[in-house]
């Protein structure tokens, strides 16, 4: 069915030079603790090869999105419009399956020359009139109003199901995108929320999430030149105000008791 939509999940794994670490327990007994090790099978991405407004509206201002043992996606030419949302970095290695993945790899230095492939799609948005999977099949019953093509719609294909997986530690569900073992946060939750809002045609929420917040900074040179003036203002004005207030109350008290 995906093939008829112009999409194909390739069999294989991605190793990326831009990756998230894997946390493993080291030590014995009560001295056991988690330690982070480099693990190229956990690619992270907040980039795309597509510069269209559609792609940018979903991934704008996103932190890195973490994948675990992800594959890649092929896009085929047909009437369906495809937009690449997330890709690997420009230094990627494609691992054909079947292949053995062993934690012993953390003991070996990473060979940068092995990452000889360019950016690979990890998440793709498809939009258009999707063809029915039953278009050329014999129906079990007579249907008078069957549709060979649906109304204009959209779907997003992601090459890794772990992108929406929460960590569960001691029965407590952690926030999506937060790795409690390494203390790192990723943009998985925001990416999925933006994607769902786009598919629901809720552009208002997307624009609100992607709003640029400009934080004004002080002029460093002007602040340095005028620092004495503002220090005096901030210190002297409150002191003068307190002194005037005290004098007023003393005068008021003196006048009150002098009449008696």
Protein backbone atom coordinates (compact mmCIF):
# COMPACT_ATOMS: atom_id res chain seq x y z
CA UNK A 1 0.00 0.00 0.00
CA UNK A 2 2.78 2.43 0.87
CA UNK A 3 4.41 1.64 -2.47
CA UNK A 4 1.29 2.87 -4.29
CA UNK A 5 1.59 6.11 -2.32
CA UNK A 6 5.15 6.57 -3.58
CA UNK A 7 6.81 5.56 -0.32
CA UNK A 8 8.96 2.59 0.57
CA UNK A 9 10.60 1.57 3.84
CA UNK A 10 14.04 0.21 3.03
CA UNK A 11 15.37 -2.81 4.87
CA UNK A 12 18.44 -1.75 6.76
CA UNK A 13 19.72 0.30 9.66
CA UNK A 14 21.21 3.76 9.85
CA UNK A 15 24.45 4.59 11.63
CA UNK A 16 25.01 8.32 11.85
CA UNK A 17 27.96 10.45 12.88
CA UNK A 18 25.46 12.73 14.66
CA UNK A 19 23.99 10.52 17.35
CA UNK A 20 22.69 10.30 20.91
CA UNK A 21 24.62 8.25 23.48
CA UNK A 22 23.41 4.97 24.94
CA UNK A 23 23.34 4.63 28.73
CA UNK A 24 24.66 1.36 30.13
CA UNK A 25 24.98 0.16 33.71
CA UNK A 26 28.60 -0.16 34.80
CA UNK A 27 30.05 -1.31 38.10
CA UNK A 28 29.04 -4.04 40.51
CA UNK A 29 26.63 -4.26 43.39
CA UNK A 30 25.74 -0.95 44.99
CA UNK A 31 28.37 0.84 42.94
CA UNK A 32 26.40 0.29 39.73
CA UNK A 33 25.64 3.48 37.84
CA UNK A 34 24.67 4.50 34.33
CA UNK A 35 27.36 5.78 32.01
CA UNK A 36 26.89 7.23 28.52
CA UNK A 37 28.70 5.67 25.56
CA UNK A 38 28.76 6.73 21.89
CA UNK A 39 26.18 4.79 19.88
CA UNK A 40 25.75 5.67 16.18
CA UNK A 41 22.59 3.53 15.99
CA UNK A 42 20.75 6.37 17.80
CA UNK A 43 20.74 9.09 15.10
CA UNK A 44 19.37 12.53 15.97
CA UNK A 45 17.97 15.01 13.50
CA UNK A 46 16.31 18.40 13.25
CA UNK A 47 17.21 18.99 9.61
CA UNK A 48 15.63 18.34 6.24
CA UNK A 49 16.65 18.52 2.61
CA UNK A 50 13.29 20.19 1.87
CA UNK A 51 13.16 23.96 2.34
CA UNK A 52 9.44 24.37 1.59
CA UNK A 53 7.16 26.24 3.97
CA UNK A 54 5.37 22.98 4.79
CA UNK A 55 8.52 21.28 6.05
CA UNK A 56 9.76 24.32 7.92
CA UNK A 57 6.40 24.85 9.64
CA UNK A 58 6.70 21.40 11.25
CA UNK A 59 10.39 21.33 12.19
CA UNK A 60 11.05 25.01 12.88
CA UNK A 61 12.60 25.72 16.30
CA UNK A 62 12.78 22.00 17.08
CA UNK A 63 15.42 20.43 19.24
CA UNK A 64 17.09 17.29 17.91
CA UNK A 65 14.67 14.39 17.42
CA UNK A 66 16.04 11.08 18.67
CA UNK A 67 15.70 7.85 16.67
CA UNK A 68 16.65 4.36 17.81
CA UNK A 69 17.70 1.77 15.23
CA UNK A 70 16.01 3.67 12.43
CA UNK A 71 15.71 2.69 8.81
CA UNK A 72 15.45 4.91 5.75
CA UNK A 73 12.63 5.85 3.39
CA UNK A 74 12.59 5.86 -0.39
CA UNK A 75 10.37 8.37 -2.22
CA UNK A 76 9.04 7.36 -5.62
CA UNK A 77 7.68 9.62 -8.33
CA UNK A 78 3.89 9.63 -8.71
CA UNK A 79 0.96 12.02 -8.24
CA UNK A 80 1.42 12.19 -4.47
CA UNK A 81 3.41 15.18 -3.20
CA UNK A 82 6.23 14.19 -0.86
CA UNK A 83 7.96 16.45 1.67
CA UNK A 84 11.01 15.22 3.59
CA UNK A 85 10.64 16.33 7.21
CA UNK A 86 13.70 14.81 8.89
CA UNK A 87 16.94 13.39 7.54
CA UNK A 88 20.19 12.00 8.84
CA UNK A 89 23.33 14.11 8.78
CA UNK A 90 25.63 14.30 5.77
CA UNK A 91 27.83 11.58 7.28
CA UNK A 92 25.75 8.39 7.35
CA UNK A 93 26.41 4.68 7.08
CA UNK A 94 23.78 2.27 5.76
CA UNK A 95 23.87 -1.17 7.37
CA UNK A 96 22.26 -3.91 5.30
CA UNK A 97 20.26 -6.59 7.09
CA UNK A 98 20.64 -9.18 8.42
CA UNK A 99 23.48 -7.82 10.53
CA UNK A 100 24.70 -8.40 14.06
CA UNK A 101 24.51 -5.42 16.42
CA UNK A 102 26.64 -5.88 19.53
CA UNK A 103 27.27 -3.63 22.52
CA UNK A 104 30.92 -4.57 22.15
CA UNK A 105 31.06 -1.87 19.47
CA UNK A 106 31.32 0.77 22.19
CA UNK A 107 34.84 -0.47 22.92
CA UNK A 108 35.96 0.24 19.36
CA UNK A 109 36.86 3.72 18.08
CA UNK A 110 34.36 5.16 15.61
CA UNK A 111 35.67 5.03 12.05
CA UNK A 112 34.62 8.29 10.39
CA UNK A 113 35.45 6.90 6.94
CA UNK A 114 32.62 4.37 7.30
CA UNK A 115 30.06 7.19 7.18
CA UNK A 116 30.24 7.52 3.42
CA UNK A 117 26.56 8.06 2.58
CA UNK A 118 24.79 11.38 2.34
CA UNK A 119 21.55 12.50 4.02
CA UNK A 120 18.84 9.83 4.22
CA UNK A 121 15.11 10.54 4.78
CA UNK A 122 13.83 9.50 8.21
CA UNK A 123 10.37 11.10 8.14
CA UNK A 124 8.33 11.99 5.04
CA UNK A 125 5.00 13.79 4.63
CA UNK A 126 2.81 12.60 1.74
CA UNK A 127 -0.15 14.67 0.49
CA UNK A 128 -2.67 14.18 -2.27
CA UNK A 129 -5.50 11.90 -3.41
CA UNK A 130 -4.51 8.46 -2.21
CA UNK A 131 -5.42 5.44 -4.30
CA UNK A 132 -7.58 2.79 -2.65
CA UNK A 133 -5.81 -0.47 -1.83
CA UNK A 134 -8.89 -2.30 -3.21
CA UNK A 135 -8.99 -0.38 -6.50
CA UNK A 136 -8.18 -3.32 -8.79
CA UNK A 137 -9.48 -6.11 -6.56
CA UNK A 138 -12.64 -8.12 -6.88
CA UNK A 139 -15.07 -7.00 -4.20
CA UNK A 140 -16.81 -9.68 -2.11
CA UNK A 141 -20.09 -7.77 -2.51
CA UNK A 142 -21.47 -5.27 -4.99
CA UNK A 143 -20.66 -1.73 -3.90
CA UNK A 144 -22.39 1.03 -5.80
CA UNK A 145 -20.50 3.95 -4.27
CA UNK A 146 -17.00 2.62 -3.89
CA UNK A 147 -14.15 5.08 -4.36
CA UNK A 148 -10.99 4.31 -6.27
CA UNK A 149 -9.39 7.50 -4.93
CA UNK A 150 -9.99 9.20 -1.64
CA UNK A 151 -10.39 12.88 -0.96
CA UNK A 152 -7.29 14.99 -0.60
CA UNK A 153 -5.47 13.93 2.56
CA UNK A 154 -2.07 13.56 4.16
CA UNK A 155 0.01 11.03 6.06
CA UNK A 156 3.44 11.01 7.65
CA UNK A 157 5.73 8.00 7.42
CA UNK A 158 8.45 7.72 10.09
CA UNK A 159 11.15 5.09 9.79
CA UNK A 160 11.29 4.35 13.53
CA UNK A 161 8.46 3.50 15.93
CA UNK A 162 10.61 4.28 18.98
CA UNK A 163 10.30 7.98 18.25
CA UNK A 164 7.04 8.00 20.25
CA UNK A 165 8.21 5.72 23.07
CA UNK A 166 8.31 7.05 26.63
CA UNK A 167 10.87 5.76 29.09
CA UNK A 168 9.44 3.98 32.14
CA UNK A 169 11.62 4.01 35.25
CA UNK A 170 10.41 2.29 38.44
CA UNK A 171 6.86 2.30 37.10
CA UNK A 172 6.95 6.05 36.41
CA UNK A 173 6.33 7.17 32.83
CA UNK A 174 8.85 9.84 31.85
CA UNK A 175 8.10 12.75 29.56
CA UNK A 176 8.42 11.91 25.90
CA UNK A 177 11.81 12.98 24.58
CA UNK A 178 13.54 12.98 27.98
CA UNK A 179 16.27 10.40 28.59
CA UNK A 180 16.48 10.11 32.37
CA UNK A 181 19.61 7.94 32.20
CA UNK A 182 21.69 10.56 30.40
CA UNK A 183 19.74 13.66 31.45
CA UNK A 184 19.35 14.72 27.81
CA UNK A 185 16.16 16.15 26.29
CA UNK A 186 15.07 15.75 22.67
CA UNK A 187 12.36 17.26 20.50
CA UNK A 188 10.35 14.08 19.89
CA UNK A 189 7.24 15.37 21.66
CA UNK A 190 7.24 18.72 19.86
CA UNK A 191 7.83 17.06 16.48
CA UNK A 192 4.92 14.67 16.96
CA UNK A 193 2.64 17.46 18.22
CA UNK A 194 3.50 19.65 15.22
CA UNK A 195 2.93 16.70 12.88
CA UNK A 196 -0.45 15.84 14.41
CA UNK A 197 -1.56 19.49 14.36
CA UNK A 198 -0.57 19.72 10.69
CA UNK A 199 -2.49 16.56 9.80
CA UNK A 200 -5.51 17.95 11.68
CA UNK A 201 -5.13 21.19 9.71
CA UNK A 202 -4.59 23.16 12.91
CA UNK A 203 -2.17 25.73 11.54
CA UNK A 204 -2.84 28.14 14.41
CA UNK A 205 -1.24 25.89 16.99
CA UNK A 206 1.73 25.21 14.73
CA UNK A 207 2.39 28.91 14.16
CA UNK A 208 2.08 29.53 17.90
CA UNK A 209 4.59 26.77 18.68
CA UNK A 210 6.98 28.01 16.01
CA UNK A 211 6.73 31.68 16.92
CA UNK A 212 10.10 33.38 17.07
CA UNK A 213 10.71 34.94 20.47
CA UNK A 214 13.19 37.79 20.20
CA UNK A 215 14.91 38.60 23.47
CA UNK A 216 16.26 42.18 23.47
CA UNK A 217 19.77 42.54 24.85
CA UNK A 218 21.25 45.60 26.53
CA UNK A 219 23.88 47.65 24.72
CA UNK A 220 27.02 46.44 26.49
CA UNK A 221 29.06 49.57 25.73
CA UNK A 222 26.30 51.97 26.77
CA UNK A 223 25.67 49.98 29.94
CA UNK A 224 29.36 50.15 30.82
CA UNK A 225 29.58 53.91 30.14
CA UNK A 226 26.46 54.78 32.20
CA UNK A 227 26.88 52.24 34.97
CA UNK A 228 27.89 54.82 37.64
CA UNK A 229 24.89 57.00 36.86
CA UNK A 230 22.44 54.13 37.19
CA UNK A 231 24.15 52.77 40.30
CA UNK A 232 23.71 56.16 42.00
CA UNK A 233 20.10 56.38 40.86
CA UNK A 234 19.29 52.90 42.12
CA UNK A 235 21.00 53.50 45.48
CA UNK A 236 20.36 57.19 46.24
CA UNK A 237 16.72 57.58 45.19
CA UNK A 238 15.44 54.90 47.62
CA UNK A 239 17.60 56.38 50.41
CA UNK A 240 16.36 59.92 49.74
CA UNK A 241 12.77 58.69 49.63
CA UNK A 242 13.16 56.89 52.98
CA UNK A 243 14.84 59.97 54.53
CA UNK A 244 12.04 62.28 53.36
CA UNK A 245 9.41 59.87 54.64
CA UNK A 246 11.15 59.66 58.04
CA UNK A 247 11.44 63.47 58.26
CA UNK A 248 7.76 63.84 57.42
CA UNK A 249 6.70 61.45 60.18
CA UNK A 250 9.06 63.12 62.70
CA UNK A 251 7.66 66.55 61.82
CA UNK A 252 4.11 65.23 62.07
CA UNK A 253 4.85 63.66 65.46
CA UNK A 254 6.53 66.86 66.71
CA UNK A 255 3.56 69.01 65.73
CA UNK A 256 1.11 66.58 67.31
CA UNK A 257 2.80 66.52 70.71
CA UNK A 258 3.82 70.19 70.73
CA UNK A 259 0.15 71.25 70.76
CA UNK A 260 -0.40 69.33 74.00
